[in-house]
């Protein structure tokens, strides 16, 4: 099975959960509106959006979603950077 890797940097005003949805859609070459995966079925979006808000956190979050491995790391400013490994 081939694994494709994608990197997604959230827009400044974009919620983390919306950024994950966008990143997964991009990794699967799908339109965000037309993709089958619904984030709320797998993830508590309120809890996800609350992460990385401090801006100085040194943390990594990794989870499986819609045949992907999602990894969220804080960059040097503490902003989330999303990496997607697509397993389709």
N, C-alpha and C. Protein backbone atom coordinates (compact mmCIF):
# COMPACT_ATOMS: atom_id res chain seq x y z
N UNK A 1 0.84 -1.18 0.00
CA UNK A 1 0.00 0.00 0.00
C UNK A 1 0.89 1.24 0.00
N UNK A 2 0.56 2.18 -0.87
CA UNK A 2 1.29 3.44 -0.94
C UNK A 2 0.82 4.39 0.13
N UNK A 3 1.76 5.14 0.68
CA UNK A 3 1.43 6.16 1.67
C UNK A 3 1.89 7.50 1.11
N UNK A 4 0.95 8.44 1.02
CA UNK A 4 1.28 9.79 0.58
C UNK A 4 1.29 10.70 1.79
N UNK A 5 2.23 11.63 1.82
CA UNK A 5 2.32 12.56 2.94
C UNK A 5 2.00 13.97 2.47
N UNK A 6 1.25 14.68 3.30
CA UNK A 6 0.85 16.06 3.02
C UNK A 6 1.08 16.90 4.25
N UNK A 7 1.39 18.16 4.04
CA UNK A 7 1.58 19.11 5.14
C UNK A 7 0.59 20.25 4.93
N UNK A 8 -0.07 20.65 6.01
CA UNK A 8 -1.09 21.69 5.94
C UNK A 8 -0.86 22.65 7.09
N UNK A 9 -0.76 23.92 6.78
CA UNK A 9 -0.62 24.95 7.81
C UNK A 9 -1.96 25.69 7.88
N UNK A 10 -2.56 25.69 9.04
CA UNK A 10 -3.87 26.32 9.23
C UNK A 10 -3.79 27.82 9.01
N UNK A 11 -4.84 28.36 8.43
CA UNK A 11 -4.95 29.80 8.29
C UNK A 11 -5.09 30.41 9.69
N UNK A 12 -4.74 31.65 9.84
CA UNK A 12 -4.74 32.29 11.16
C UNK A 12 -6.09 32.23 11.85
N UNK A 13 -7.17 32.42 11.13
CA UNK A 13 -8.51 32.43 11.74
C UNK A 13 -9.23 31.09 11.64
N UNK A 14 -8.57 30.09 11.06
CA UNK A 14 -9.19 28.78 10.86
C UNK A 14 -9.12 27.96 12.15
N UNK A 15 -10.23 27.36 12.55
CA UNK A 15 -10.21 26.50 13.73
C UNK A 15 -9.37 25.26 13.43
N UNK A 16 -8.82 24.65 14.47
CA UNK A 16 -8.00 23.48 14.28
C UNK A 16 -8.81 22.33 13.68
N UNK A 17 -10.04 22.15 14.14
CA UNK A 17 -10.86 21.07 13.60
C UNK A 17 -11.16 21.30 12.11
N UNK A 18 -11.43 22.53 11.72
CA UNK A 18 -11.67 22.82 10.31
C UNK A 18 -10.41 22.61 9.49
N UNK A 19 -9.27 22.95 10.05
CA UNK A 19 -7.99 22.73 9.37
C UNK A 19 -7.75 21.24 9.15
N UNK A 20 -8.09 20.40 10.13
CA UNK A 20 -7.93 18.95 9.97
C UNK A 20 -8.85 18.45 8.86
N UNK A 21 -10.08 18.90 8.84
CA UNK A 21 -11.02 18.50 7.78
C UNK A 21 -10.46 18.91 6.42
N UNK A 22 -9.95 20.12 6.32
CA UNK A 22 -9.38 20.60 5.05
C UNK A 22 -8.16 19.78 4.65
N UNK A 23 -7.31 19.47 5.61
CA UNK A 23 -6.09 18.71 5.33
C UNK A 23 -6.42 17.29 4.86
N UNK A 24 -7.38 16.64 5.50
CA UNK A 24 -7.77 15.28 5.10
C UNK A 24 -8.38 15.32 3.69
N UNK A 25 -9.22 16.28 3.41
CA UNK A 25 -9.81 16.40 2.08
C UNK A 25 -8.72 16.62 1.03
N UNK A 26 -7.78 17.48 1.32
CA UNK A 26 -6.69 17.76 0.40
C UNK A 26 -5.86 16.49 0.17
N UNK A 27 -5.57 15.76 1.22
CA UNK A 27 -4.79 14.53 1.10
C UNK A 27 -5.48 13.49 0.24
N UNK A 28 -6.80 13.48 0.26
CA UNK A 28 -7.56 12.51 -0.54
C UNK A 28 -8.01 13.07 -1.88
N UNK A 29 -7.55 14.27 -2.21
CA UNK A 29 -7.90 14.91 -3.47
C UNK A 29 -9.42 15.03 -3.60
N UNK A 30 -10.06 15.41 -2.50
CA UNK A 30 -11.51 15.57 -2.46
C UNK A 30 -11.87 17.00 -2.11
N UNK A 31 -13.04 17.41 -2.52
CA UNK A 31 -13.58 18.69 -2.12
C UNK A 31 -14.03 18.58 -0.66
N UNK A 32 -13.78 19.58 0.10
CA UNK A 32 -14.10 19.54 1.53
C UNK A 32 -15.59 19.29 1.78
N UNK A 33 -16.44 19.81 0.94
CA UNK A 33 -17.89 19.65 1.10
C UNK A 33 -18.34 18.25 0.66
N UNK A 34 -17.68 17.68 -0.32
CA UNK A 34 -18.11 16.41 -0.88
C UNK A 34 -17.48 15.18 -0.25
N UNK A 35 -16.51 15.36 0.65
CA UNK A 35 -15.88 14.19 1.25
C UNK A 35 -16.86 13.45 2.16
N UNK A 36 -16.66 12.15 2.26
CA UNK A 36 -17.56 11.32 3.06
C UNK A 36 -17.29 11.40 4.56
N UNK A 37 -16.05 11.69 4.94
CA UNK A 37 -15.67 11.68 6.35
C UNK A 37 -16.30 12.86 7.09
N UNK A 38 -16.90 12.58 8.23
CA UNK A 38 -17.48 13.61 9.10
C UNK A 38 -16.68 13.60 10.39
N UNK A 39 -15.97 14.66 10.65
CA UNK A 39 -15.05 14.73 11.78
C UNK A 39 -15.74 14.44 13.11
N UNK A 40 -16.97 14.91 13.27
CA UNK A 40 -17.68 14.73 14.55
C UNK A 40 -17.96 13.27 14.88
N UNK A 41 -17.90 12.39 13.89
CA UNK A 41 -18.10 10.97 14.15
C UNK A 41 -16.90 10.34 14.85
N UNK A 42 -15.72 10.97 14.74
CA UNK A 42 -14.48 10.40 15.27
C UNK A 42 -13.81 11.23 16.36
N UNK A 43 -14.07 12.53 16.36
CA UNK A 43 -13.28 13.44 17.20
C UNK A 43 -14.19 14.45 17.88
N UNK A 44 -13.88 14.76 19.13
CA UNK A 44 -14.55 15.83 19.84
C UNK A 44 -13.94 17.14 19.34
N UNK A 45 -14.65 17.84 18.48
CA UNK A 45 -14.08 19.03 17.85
C UNK A 45 -13.86 20.18 18.83
N UNK A 46 -14.69 20.28 19.86
CA UNK A 46 -14.47 21.33 20.86
C UNK A 46 -13.15 21.11 21.59
N UNK A 47 -12.88 19.86 21.95
CA UNK A 47 -11.62 19.54 22.63
C UNK A 47 -10.44 19.78 21.70
N UNK A 48 -10.57 19.37 20.44
CA UNK A 48 -9.49 19.58 19.47
C UNK A 48 -9.22 21.06 19.28
N UNK A 49 -10.28 21.85 19.13
CA UNK A 49 -10.10 23.29 18.93
C UNK A 49 -9.47 23.98 20.15
N UNK A 50 -9.62 23.40 21.32
CA UNK A 50 -9.03 23.98 22.52
C UNK A 50 -7.53 23.75 22.65
N UNK A 51 -7.01 22.80 21.89
CA UNK A 51 -5.58 22.52 21.94
C UNK A 51 -4.79 23.59 21.20
N UNK A 52 -3.55 23.75 21.56
CA UNK A 52 -2.60 24.65 20.90
C UNK A 52 -2.99 26.13 21.04
N UNK A 53 -3.95 26.45 21.89
CA UNK A 53 -4.36 27.85 22.02
C UNK A 53 -3.39 28.69 22.83
N UNK A 54 -2.59 28.05 23.65
CA UNK A 54 -1.63 28.78 24.47
C UNK A 54 -0.59 29.49 23.61
N UNK A 55 -0.23 28.87 22.50
CA UNK A 55 0.76 29.48 21.61
C UNK A 55 2.19 29.16 21.99
N UNK A 56 2.40 28.56 23.14
CA UNK A 56 3.76 28.23 23.57
C UNK A 56 3.88 26.76 23.93
N UNK A 57 2.93 25.98 23.51
CA UNK A 57 2.94 24.56 23.84
C UNK A 57 3.93 23.81 22.96
N UNK A 58 4.61 22.88 23.57
CA UNK A 58 5.49 21.98 22.84
C UNK A 58 4.85 20.61 22.92
N UNK A 59 3.96 20.32 21.97
CA UNK A 59 3.25 19.06 22.03
C UNK A 59 2.98 18.52 20.64
N UNK A 60 2.69 17.22 20.60
CA UNK A 60 2.33 16.53 19.37
C UNK A 60 1.07 15.73 19.64
N UNK A 61 0.15 15.77 18.71
CA UNK A 61 -1.08 15.00 18.79
C UNK A 61 -1.15 14.15 17.53
N UNK A 62 -1.41 12.84 17.70
CA UNK A 62 -1.51 11.93 16.55
C UNK A 62 -2.75 11.08 16.71
N UNK A 63 -3.52 10.94 15.62
CA UNK A 63 -4.70 10.08 15.64
C UNK A 63 -4.99 9.58 14.23
N UNK A 64 -5.80 8.54 14.16
CA UNK A 64 -6.22 7.95 12.90
C UNK A 64 -7.60 8.50 12.54
N UNK A 65 -7.79 8.86 11.27
CA UNK A 65 -9.07 9.37 10.80
C UNK A 65 -9.18 9.18 9.30
N UNK A 66 -10.25 8.55 8.86
CA UNK A 66 -10.58 8.39 7.44
C UNK A 66 -9.39 7.89 6.63
N UNK A 67 -8.87 6.75 6.98
CA UNK A 67 -7.71 6.11 6.34
C UNK A 67 -6.49 7.02 6.26
N UNK A 68 -6.35 7.88 7.25
CA UNK A 68 -5.15 8.72 7.34
C UNK A 68 -4.60 8.65 8.77
N UNK A 69 -3.35 8.99 8.89
CA UNK A 69 -2.75 9.28 10.18
C UNK A 69 -2.54 10.78 10.22
N UNK A 70 -3.17 11.43 11.18
CA UNK A 70 -3.08 12.88 11.34
C UNK A 70 -2.11 13.17 12.48
N UNK A 71 -1.10 13.98 12.20
CA UNK A 71 -0.15 14.40 13.23
C UNK A 71 -0.17 15.92 13.28
N UNK A 72 -0.37 16.45 14.48
CA UNK A 72 -0.39 17.91 14.66
C UNK A 72 0.76 18.25 15.60
N UNK A 73 1.67 19.09 15.12
CA UNK A 73 2.81 19.56 15.90
C UNK A 73 2.75 21.07 16.01
N UNK A 74 3.29 21.59 17.08
CA UNK A 74 3.42 23.04 17.22
C UNK A 74 4.68 23.49 16.48
N UNK A 75 4.58 24.58 15.71
CA UNK A 75 5.77 25.13 15.07
C UNK A 75 6.54 25.97 16.07
N UNK A 76 7.56 26.68 15.62
CA UNK A 76 8.41 27.47 16.54
C UNK A 76 7.65 28.57 17.26
N UNK A 77 6.51 29.00 16.74
CA UNK A 77 5.68 30.01 17.40
C UNK A 77 4.53 29.39 18.20
N UNK A 78 4.45 28.05 18.19
CA UNK A 78 3.38 27.37 18.91
C UNK A 78 2.12 27.15 18.10
N UNK A 79 2.15 27.51 16.82
CA UNK A 79 0.99 27.33 15.95
C UNK A 79 0.95 25.90 15.42
N UNK A 80 -0.25 25.35 15.25
CA UNK A 80 -0.34 23.96 14.79
C UNK A 80 0.00 23.79 13.31
N UNK A 81 0.78 22.75 13.03
CA UNK A 81 1.09 22.34 11.67
C UNK A 81 0.59 20.91 11.54
N UNK A 82 -0.20 20.65 10.52
CA UNK A 82 -0.85 19.35 10.36
C UNK A 82 -0.13 18.57 9.27
N UNK A 83 0.23 17.34 9.61
CA UNK A 83 0.80 16.43 8.62
C UNK A 83 -0.14 15.25 8.47
N UNK A 84 -0.38 14.88 7.24
CA UNK A 84 -1.32 13.80 6.93
C UNK A 84 -0.57 12.71 6.18
N UNK A 85 -0.74 11.48 6.62
CA UNK A 85 -0.30 10.32 5.86
C UNK A 85 -1.56 9.63 5.36
N UNK A 86 -1.76 9.66 4.06
CA UNK A 86 -2.95 9.04 3.47
C UNK A 86 -2.63 7.58 3.17
N UNK A 87 -3.49 6.70 3.62
CA UNK A 87 -3.30 5.27 3.42
C UNK A 87 -4.27 4.71 2.39
N UNK A 88 -4.75 5.54 1.51
CA UNK A 88 -5.67 5.08 0.45
C UNK A 88 -4.88 4.58 -0.72
